[in-house]
Amino acid sequence: MRKQVADDLGVGMSTRNKWITAHRDTDVVSKEDLSLAQENDRLRREVRILKEERDILKNCSGPLPACARYKQPVLCCG
């Protein structure tokens, strides 16, 4: 398949490989896809933060709650 592509383009395999290497990290993404990817990243961050906050609130009972690990005061443990 790769050889066929190089032959179809009229170039050698080394030239084809150089082109692939040069453009491998080039993002060819539509604006809509880029927007969706950015929104997914934002939502993943938000979910991570919410899970951390939930875990802190969940662990705020007992003599030495897990939230006491943090240097900053946590209101739920007051």
PDB file of N, CA and C in Angstrom:
ATOM      1  N   MET A   1       0.825  -1.190   0.000  1.00  0.00           N
ATOM      2  CA  MET A   1       0.000   0.000   0.000  1.00  0.00           C
ATOM      3  C   MET A   1       0.873   1.261   0.000  1.00  0.00           C
ATOM      4  N   ARG A   2       1.866   1.321   0.893  1.00  0.00           N
ATOM      5  CA  ARG A   2       2.727   2.502   0.957  1.00  0.00           C
ATOM      6  C   ARG A   2       3.527   2.674  -0.339  1.00  0.00           C
ATOM      7  N   LYS A   3       4.029   1.586  -0.819  1.00  0.00           N
ATOM      8  CA  LYS A   3       4.793   1.626  -2.079  1.00  0.00           C
ATOM      9  C   LYS A   3       3.891   2.099  -3.215  1.00  0.00           C
ATOM     10  N   GLN A   4       2.650   1.618  -3.205  1.00  0.00           N
ATOM     11  CA  GLN A   4       1.698   1.998  -4.247  1.00  0.00           C
ATOM     12  C   GLN A   4       1.418   3.499  -4.209  1.00  0.00           C
ATOM     13  N   VAL A   5       1.282   4.052  -3.003  1.00  0.00           N
ATOM     14  CA  VAL A   5       1.038   5.495  -2.860  1.00  0.00           C
ATOM     15  C   VAL A   5       2.220   6.279  -3.410  1.00  0.00           C
ATOM     16  N   ALA A   6       3.431   5.859  -3.041  1.00  0.00           N
ATOM     17  CA  ALA A   6       4.630   6.543  -3.552  1.00  0.00           C
ATOM     18  C   ALA A   6       4.688   6.461  -5.071  1.00  0.00           C
ATOM     19  N   ASP A   7       4.404   5.288  -5.625  1.00  0.00           N
ATOM     20  CA  ASP A   7       4.409   5.126  -7.083  1.00  0.00           C
ATOM     21  C   ASP A   7       3.346   6.009  -7.742  1.00  0.00           C
ATOM     22  N   ASP A   8       2.155   6.049  -7.135  1.00  0.00           N
ATOM     23  CA  ASP A   8       1.072   6.863  -7.697  1.00  0.00           C
ATOM     24  C   ASP A   8       1.438   8.345  -7.723  1.00  0.00           C
ATOM     25  N   LEU A   9       2.198   8.774  -6.705  1.00  0.00           N
ATOM     26  CA  LEU A   9       2.611  10.170  -6.643  1.00  0.00           C
ATOM     27  C   LEU A   9       3.860  10.448  -7.471  1.00  0.00           C
ATOM     28  N   GLY A  10       4.504   9.404  -7.921  1.00  0.00           N
ATOM     29  CA  GLY A  10       5.714   9.572  -8.712  1.00  0.00           C
ATOM     30  C   GLY A  10       6.920   9.976  -7.882  1.00  0.00           C
ATOM     31  N   VAL A  11       6.965   9.533  -6.629  1.00  0.00           N
ATOM     32  CA  VAL A  11       8.083   9.847  -5.745  1.00  0.00           C
ATOM     33  C   VAL A  11       8.613   8.550  -5.145  1.00  0.00           C
ATOM     34  N   GLY A  12       9.808   8.645  -4.594  1.00  0.00           N
ATOM     35  CA  GLY A  12      10.388   7.486  -3.935  1.00  0.00           C
ATOM     36  C   GLY A  12       9.841   7.329  -2.527  1.00  0.00           C
ATOM     37  N   MET A  13      10.086   6.162  -1.942  1.00  0.00           N
ATOM     38  CA  MET A  13       9.618   5.875  -0.591  1.00  0.00           C
ATOM     39  C   MET A  13      10.232   6.840   0.422  1.00  0.00           C
ATOM     40  N   SER A  14      11.516   7.194   0.234  1.00  0.00           N
ATOM     41  CA  SER A  14      12.162   8.091   1.197  1.00  0.00           C
ATOM     42  C   SER A  14      11.519   9.474   1.170  1.00  0.00           C
ATOM     43  N   THR A  15      11.148   9.950  -0.006  1.00  0.00           N
ATOM     44  CA  THR A  15      10.475  11.245  -0.115  1.00  0.00           C
ATOM     45  C   THR A  15       9.115  11.185   0.553  1.00  0.00           C
ATOM     46  N   ARG A  16       8.379  10.113   0.295  1.00  0.00           N
ATOM     47  CA  ARG A  16       7.067   9.942   0.922  1.00  0.00           C
ATOM     48  C   ARG A  16       7.209   9.919   2.446  1.00  0.00           C
ATOM     49  N   ASN A  17       8.205   9.196   2.946  1.00  0.00           N
ATOM     50  CA  ASN A  17       8.438   9.117   4.389  1.00  0.00           C
ATOM     51  C   ASN A  17       8.802  10.478   4.976  1.00  0.00           C
ATOM     52  N   LYS A  18       9.595  11.275   4.240  1.00  0.00           N
ATOM     53  CA  LYS A  18       9.947  12.622   4.706  1.00  0.00           C
ATOM     54  C   LYS A  18       8.706  13.498   4.800  1.00  0.00           C
ATOM     55  N   TRP A  19       7.815  13.384   3.824  1.00  0.00           N
ATOM     56  CA  TRP A  19       6.580  14.163   3.845  1.00  0.00           C
ATOM     57  C   TRP A  19       5.737  13.777   5.065  1.00  0.00           C
ATOM     58  N   ILE A  20       5.621  12.486   5.302  1.00  0.00           N
ATOM     59  CA  ILE A  20       4.820  12.022   6.446  1.00  0.00           C
ATOM     60  C   ILE A  20       5.414  12.534   7.747  1.00  0.00           C
ATOM     61  N   THR A  21       6.728  12.433   7.890  1.00  0.00           N
ATOM     62  CA  THR A  21       7.389  12.905   9.113  1.00  0.00           C
ATOM     63  C   THR A  21       7.191  14.406   9.290  1.00  0.00           C
ATOM     64  N   ALA A  22       7.309  15.156   8.221  1.00  0.00           N
ATOM     65  CA  ALA A  22       7.188  16.609   8.296  1.00  0.00           C
ATOM     66  C   ALA A  22       5.778  17.058   8.665  1.00  0.00           C
ATOM     67  N   HIS A  23       4.773  16.284   8.290  1.00  0.00           N
ATOM     68  CA  HIS A  23       3.386  16.711   8.496  1.00  0.00           C
ATOM     69  C   HIS A  23       2.629  15.841   9.485  1.00  0.00           C
ATOM     70  N   ARG A  24       3.328  14.958  10.162  1.00  0.00           N
ATOM     71  CA  ARG A  24       2.670  14.032  11.093  1.00  0.00           C
ATOM     72  C   ARG A  24       1.955  14.774  12.211  1.00  0.00           C
ATOM     73  N   ASP A  25       2.563  15.825  12.760  1.00  0.00           N
ATOM     74  CA  ASP A  25       1.980  16.543  13.883  1.00  0.00           C
ATOM     75  C   ASP A  25       1.085  17.708  13.445  1.00  0.00           C
ATOM     76  N   THR A  26       0.888  17.846  12.156  1.00  0.00           N
ATOM     77  CA  THR A  26       0.033  18.912  11.648  1.00  0.00           C
ATOM     78  C   THR A  26      -1.416  18.531  11.896  1.00  0.00           C
ATOM     79  N   ASP A  27      -2.109  19.384  12.621  1.00  0.00           N
ATOM     80  CA  ASP A  27      -3.514  19.133  12.891  1.00  0.00           C
ATOM     81  C   ASP A  27      -4.358  19.695  11.759  1.00  0.00           C
ATOM     82  N   VAL A  28      -5.078  18.816  11.118  1.00  0.00           N
ATOM     83  CA  VAL A  28      -6.009  19.242  10.095  1.00  0.00           C
ATOM     84  C   VAL A  28      -7.389  18.908  10.644  1.00  0.00           C
ATOM     85  N   VAL A  29      -7.920  19.864  11.399  1.00  0.00           N
ATOM     86  CA  VAL A  29      -9.175  19.642  12.094  1.00  0.00           C
ATOM     87  C   VAL A  29     -10.109  20.792  11.767  1.00  0.00           C
ATOM     88  N   SER A  30     -11.357  20.457  11.548  1.00  0.00           N
ATOM     89  CA  SER A  30     -12.335  21.509  11.280  1.00  0.00           C
ATOM     90  C   SER A  30     -12.548  22.340  12.544  1.00  0.00           C
ATOM     91  N   LYS A  31     -13.061  23.537  12.354  1.00  0.00           N
ATOM     92  CA  LYS A  31     -13.324  24.406  13.504  1.00  0.00           C
ATOM     93  C   LYS A  31     -14.323  23.764  14.457  1.00  0.00           C
ATOM     94  N   GLU A  32     -15.290  23.060  13.907  1.00  0.00           N
ATOM     95  CA  GLU A  32     -16.303  22.390  14.741  1.00  0.00           C
ATOM     96  C   GLU A  32     -15.652  21.287  15.576  1.00  0.00           C
ATOM     97  N   ASP A  33     -14.782  20.486  14.943  1.00  0.00           N
ATOM     98  CA  ASP A  33     -14.101  19.420  15.680  1.00  0.00           C
ATOM     99  C   ASP A  33     -13.178  19.995  16.743  1.00  0.00           C
ATOM    100  N   LEU A  34     -12.491  21.072  16.418  1.00  0.00           N
ATOM    101  CA  LEU A  34     -11.609  21.714  17.387  1.00  0.00           C
ATOM    102  C   LEU A  34     -12.417  22.249  18.565  1.00  0.00           C
ATOM    103  N   SER A  35     -13.555  22.852  18.267  1.00  0.00           N
ATOM    104  CA  SER A  35     -14.423  23.375  19.314  1.00  0.00           C
ATOM    105  C   SER A  35     -14.917  22.244  20.213  1.00  0.00           C
ATOM    106  N   LEU A  36     -15.294  21.117  19.625  1.00  0.00           N
ATOM    107  CA  LEU A  36     -15.744  19.966  20.411  1.00  0.00           C
ATOM    108  C   LEU A  36     -14.620  19.411  21.278  1.00  0.00           C
ATOM    109  N   ALA A  37     -13.424  19.354  20.729  1.00  0.00           N
ATOM    110  CA  ALA A  37     -12.280  18.850  21.492  1.00  0.00           C
ATOM    111  C   ALA A  37     -11.977  19.769  22.673  1.00  0.00           C
ATOM    112  N   GLN A  38     -12.061  21.074  22.455  1.00  0.00           N
ATOM    113  CA  GLN A  38     -11.829  22.030  23.539  1.00  0.00           C
ATOM    114  C   GLN A  38     -12.897  21.909  24.611  1.00  0.00           C
ATOM    115  N   GLU A  39     -14.143  21.729  24.186  1.00  0.00           N
ATOM    116  CA  GLU A  39     -15.239  21.563  25.142  1.00  0.00           C
ATOM    117  C   GLU A  39     -15.053  20.271  25.945  1.00  0.00           C
ATOM    118  N   ASN A  40     -14.631  19.204  25.289  1.00  0.00           N
ATOM    119  CA  ASN A  40     -14.364  17.944  25.994  1.00  0.00           C
ATOM    120  C   ASN A  40     -13.266  18.120  27.036  1.00  0.00           C
ATOM    121  N   ASP A  41     -12.209  18.827  26.679  1.00  0.00           N
ATOM    122  CA  ASP A  41     -11.121  19.086  27.630  1.00  0.00           C
ATOM    123  C   ASP A  41     -11.629  19.881  28.825  1.00  0.00           C
ATOM    124  N   ARG A  42     -12.448  20.902  28.565  1.00  0.00           N
ATOM    125  CA  ARG A  42     -12.990  21.720  29.637  1.00  0.00           C
ATOM    126  C   ARG A  42     -13.877  20.885  30.558  1.00  0.00           C
ATOM    127  N   LEU A  43     -14.710  20.047  29.961  1.00  0.00           N
ATOM    128  CA  LEU A  43     -15.603  19.207  30.762  1.00  0.00           C
ATOM    129  C   LEU A  43     -14.834  18.168  31.574  1.00  0.00           C
ATOM    130  N   ARG A  44     -13.771  17.621  31.000  1.00  0.00           N
ATOM    131  CA  ARG A  44     -12.945  16.663  31.750  1.00  0.00           C
ATOM    132  C   ARG A  44     -12.313  17.326  32.971  1.00  0.00           C
ATOM    133  N   ARG A  45     -11.794  18.555  32.793  1.00  0.00           N
ATOM    134  CA  ARG A  45     -11.227  19.296  33.922  1.00  0.00           C
ATOM    135  C   ARG A  45     -12.286  19.553  34.985  1.00  0.00           C
ATOM    136  N   GLU A  46     -13.469  19.964  34.531  1.00  0.00           N
ATOM    137  CA  GLU A  46     -14.546  20.255  35.465  1.00  0.00           C
ATOM    138  C   GLU A  46     -14.958  18.998  36.244  1.00  0.00           C
ATOM    139  N   VAL A  47     -15.065  17.872  35.554  1.00  0.00           N
ATOM    140  CA  VAL A  47     -15.423  16.617  36.219  1.00  0.00           C
ATOM    141  C   VAL A  47     -14.360  16.235  37.240  1.00  0.00           C
ATOM    142  N   ARG A  48     -13.094  16.400  36.885  1.00  0.00           N
ATOM    143  CA  ARG A  48     -12.009  16.072  37.812  1.00  0.00           C
ATOM    144  C   ARG A  48     -12.100  16.925  39.075  1.00  0.00           C
ATOM    145  N   ILE A  49     -12.331  18.225  38.894  1.00  0.00           N
ATOM    146  CA  ILE A  49     -12.438  19.133  40.035  1.00  0.00           C
ATOM    147  C   ILE A  49     -13.645  18.768  40.894  1.00  0.00           C
ATOM    148  N   LEU A  50     -14.778  18.492  40.260  1.00  0.00           N
ATOM    149  CA  LEU A  50     -15.975  18.129  41.011  1.00  0.00           C
ATOM    150  C   LEU A  50     -15.788  16.835  41.798  1.00  0.00           C
ATOM    151  N   LYS A  51     -15.088  15.875  41.199  1.00  0.00           N
ATOM    152  CA  LYS A  51     -14.816  14.621  41.912  1.00  0.00           C
ATOM    153  C   LYS A  51     -13.916  14.872  43.121  1.00  0.00           C
ATOM    154  N   GLU A  52     -12.914  15.725  42.945  1.00  0.00           N
ATOM    155  CA  GLU A  52     -12.036  16.056  44.070  1.00  0.00           C
ATOM    156  C   GLU A  52     -12.822  16.736  45.193  1.00  0.00           C
ATOM    157  N   GLU A  53     -13.687  17.670  44.812  1.00  0.00           N
ATOM    158  CA  GLU A  53     -14.487  18.368  45.816  1.00  0.00           C
ATOM    159  C   GLU A  53     -15.442  17.401  46.514  1.00  0.00           C
ATOM    160  N   ARG A  54     -16.057  16.508  45.765  1.00  0.00           N
ATOM    161  CA  ARG A  54     -16.948  15.516  46.347  1.00  0.00           C
ATOM    162  C   ARG A  54     -16.207  14.630  47.338  1.00  0.00           C
ATOM    163  N   ASP A  55     -15.010  14.191  46.947  1.00  0.00           N
ATOM    164  CA  ASP A  55     -14.227  13.328  47.827  1.00  0.00           C
ATOM    165  C   ASP A  55     -13.832  14.053  49.109  1.00  0.00           C
ATOM    166  N   ILE A  56     -13.514  15.326  49.004  1.00  0.00           N
ATOM    167  CA  ILE A  56     -13.173  16.116  50.195  1.00  0.00           C
ATOM    168  C   ILE A  56     -14.379  16.187  51.129  1.00  0.00           C
ATOM    169  N   LEU A  57     -15.544  16.485  50.564  1.00  0.00           N
ATOM    170  CA  LEU A  57     -16.753  16.585  51.383  1.00  0.00           C
ATOM    171  C   LEU A  57     -17.135  15.228  51.976  1.00  0.00           C
ATOM    172  N   LYS A  58     -16.930  14.174  51.225  1.00  0.00           N
ATOM    173  CA  LYS A  58     -17.268  12.837  51.684  1.00  0.00           C
ATOM    174  C   LYS A  58     -16.373  12.413  52.851  1.00  0.00           C
ATOM    175  N   ASN A  59     -15.146  12.884  52.868  1.00  0.00           N
ATOM    176  CA  ASN A  59     -14.172  12.475  53.875  1.00  0.00           C
ATOM    177  C   ASN A  59     -14.073  13.446  55.057  1.00  0.00           C
ATOM    178  N   CYS A  60     -15.041  14.307  55.214  1.00  0.00           N
ATOM    179  CA  CYS A  60     -14.972  15.320  56.273  1.00  0.00           C
ATOM    180  C   CYS A  60     -15.584  14.852  57.586  1.00  0.00           C
ATOM    181  N   SER A  61     -15.640  13.586  57.840  1.00  0.00           N
ATOM    182  CA  SER A  61     -16.152  13.105  59.124  1.00  0.00           C
ATOM    183  C   SER A  61     -15.074  12.295  59.808  1.00  0.00           C
ATOM    184  N   GLY A  62     -15.177  12.149  61.117  1.00  0.00           N
ATOM    185  CA  GLY A  62     -14.197  11.382  61.862  1.00  0.00           C
ATOM    186  C   GLY A  62     -13.190  12.287  62.536  1.00  0.00           C
ATOM    187  N   PRO A  63     -12.332  11.697  63.369  1.00  0.00           N
ATOM    188  CA  PRO A  63     -11.390  12.498  64.166  1.00  0.00           C
ATOM    189  C   PRO A  63     -10.360  13.239  63.325  1.00  0.00           C
ATOM    190  N   LEU A  64      -9.845  12.651  62.283  1.00  0.00           N
ATOM    191  CA  LEU A  64      -8.857  13.316  61.431  1.00  0.00           C
ATOM    192  C   LEU A  64      -9.281  13.103  59.977  1.00  0.00           C
ATOM    193  N   PRO A  65     -10.160  13.965  59.474  1.00  0.00           N
ATOM    194  CA  PRO A  65     -10.670  13.779  58.122  1.00  0.00           C
ATOM    195  C   PRO A  65      -9.574  13.922  57.072  1.00  0.00           C
ATOM    196  N   ALA A  66      -9.799  13.287  55.946  1.00  0.00           N
ATOM    197  CA  ALA A  66      -8.827  13.325  54.856  1.00  0.00           C
ATOM    198  C   ALA A  66      -8.551  14.747  54.395  1.00  0.00           C
ATOM    199  N   CYS A  67      -9.519  15.631  54.514  1.00  0.00           N
ATOM    200  CA  CYS A  67      -9.310  16.996  54.044  1.00  0.00           C
ATOM    201  C   CYS A  67      -8.318  17.750  54.928  1.00  0.00           C
ATOM    202  N   ALA A  68      -7.986  17.189  56.082  1.00  0.00           N
ATOM    203  CA  ALA A  68      -6.994  17.828  56.947  1.00  0.00           C
ATOM    204  C   ALA A  68      -5.596  17.751  56.337  1.00  0.00           C
ATOM    205  N   ARG A  69      -5.424  16.921  55.317  1.00  0.00           N
ATOM    206  CA  ARG A  69      -4.134  16.820  54.634  1.00  0.00           C
ATOM    207  C   ARG A  69      -3.760  18.136  53.977  1.00  0.00           C
ATOM    208  N   TYR A  70      -4.744  18.907  53.571  1.00  0.00           N
ATOM    209  CA  TYR A  70      -4.495  20.120  52.836  1.00  0.00           C
ATOM    210  C   TYR A  70      -4.075  21.249  53.762  1.00  0.00           C
ATOM    211  N   LYS A  71      -3.165  22.075  53.309  1.00  0.00           N
ATOM    212  CA  LYS A  71      -2.641  23.175  54.117  1.00  0.00           C
ATOM    213  C   LYS A  71      -3.676  24.273  54.314  1.00  0.00           C
ATOM    214  N   GLN A  72      -4.551  24.447  53.333  1.00  0.00           N
ATOM    215  CA  GLN A  72      -5.546  25.490  53.439  1.00  0.00           C
ATOM    216  C   GLN A  72      -6.757  24.963  54.197  1.00  0.00           C
ATOM    217  N   PRO A  73      -7.417  25.800  54.981  1.00  0.00           N
ATOM    218  CA  PRO A  73      -8.602  25.345  55.717  1.00  0.00           C
ATOM    219  C   PRO A  73      -9.713  24.956  54.766  1.00  0.00           C
ATOM    220  N   VAL A  74     -10.436  23.935  55.124  1.00  0.00           N
ATOM    221  CA  VAL A  74     -11.580  23.492  54.350  1.00  0.00           C
ATOM    222  C   VAL A  74     -12.807  23.729  55.214  1.00  0.00           C
ATOM    223  N   LEU A  75     -13.777  24.448  54.688  1.00  0.00           N
ATOM    224  CA  LEU A  75     -14.923  24.880  55.486  1.00  0.00           C
ATOM    225  C   LEU A  75     -15.712  23.722  56.083  1.00  0.00           C
ATOM    226  N   CYS A  76     -15.821  22.617  55.363  1.00  0.00           N
ATOM    227  CA  CYS A  76     -16.664  21.535  55.841  1.00  0.00           C
ATOM    228  C   CYS A  76     -16.109  20.898  57.110  1.00  0.00           C
ATOM    229  N   CYS A  77     -14.855  21.043  57.365  1.00  0.00           N
ATOM    230  CA  CYS A  77     -14.224  20.373  58.507  1.00  0.00           C
ATOM    231  C   CYS A  77     -14.182  21.272  59.743  1.00  0.00           C
ATOM    232  N   GLY A  78     -14.652  22.485  59.621  1.00  0.00           N
ATOM    233  CA  GLY A  78     -14.543  23.459  60.697  1.00  0.00           C
ATOM    234  C   GLY A  78     -15.342  23.071  61.853  1.00  0.00           C
TER     235      GLY A  78
END
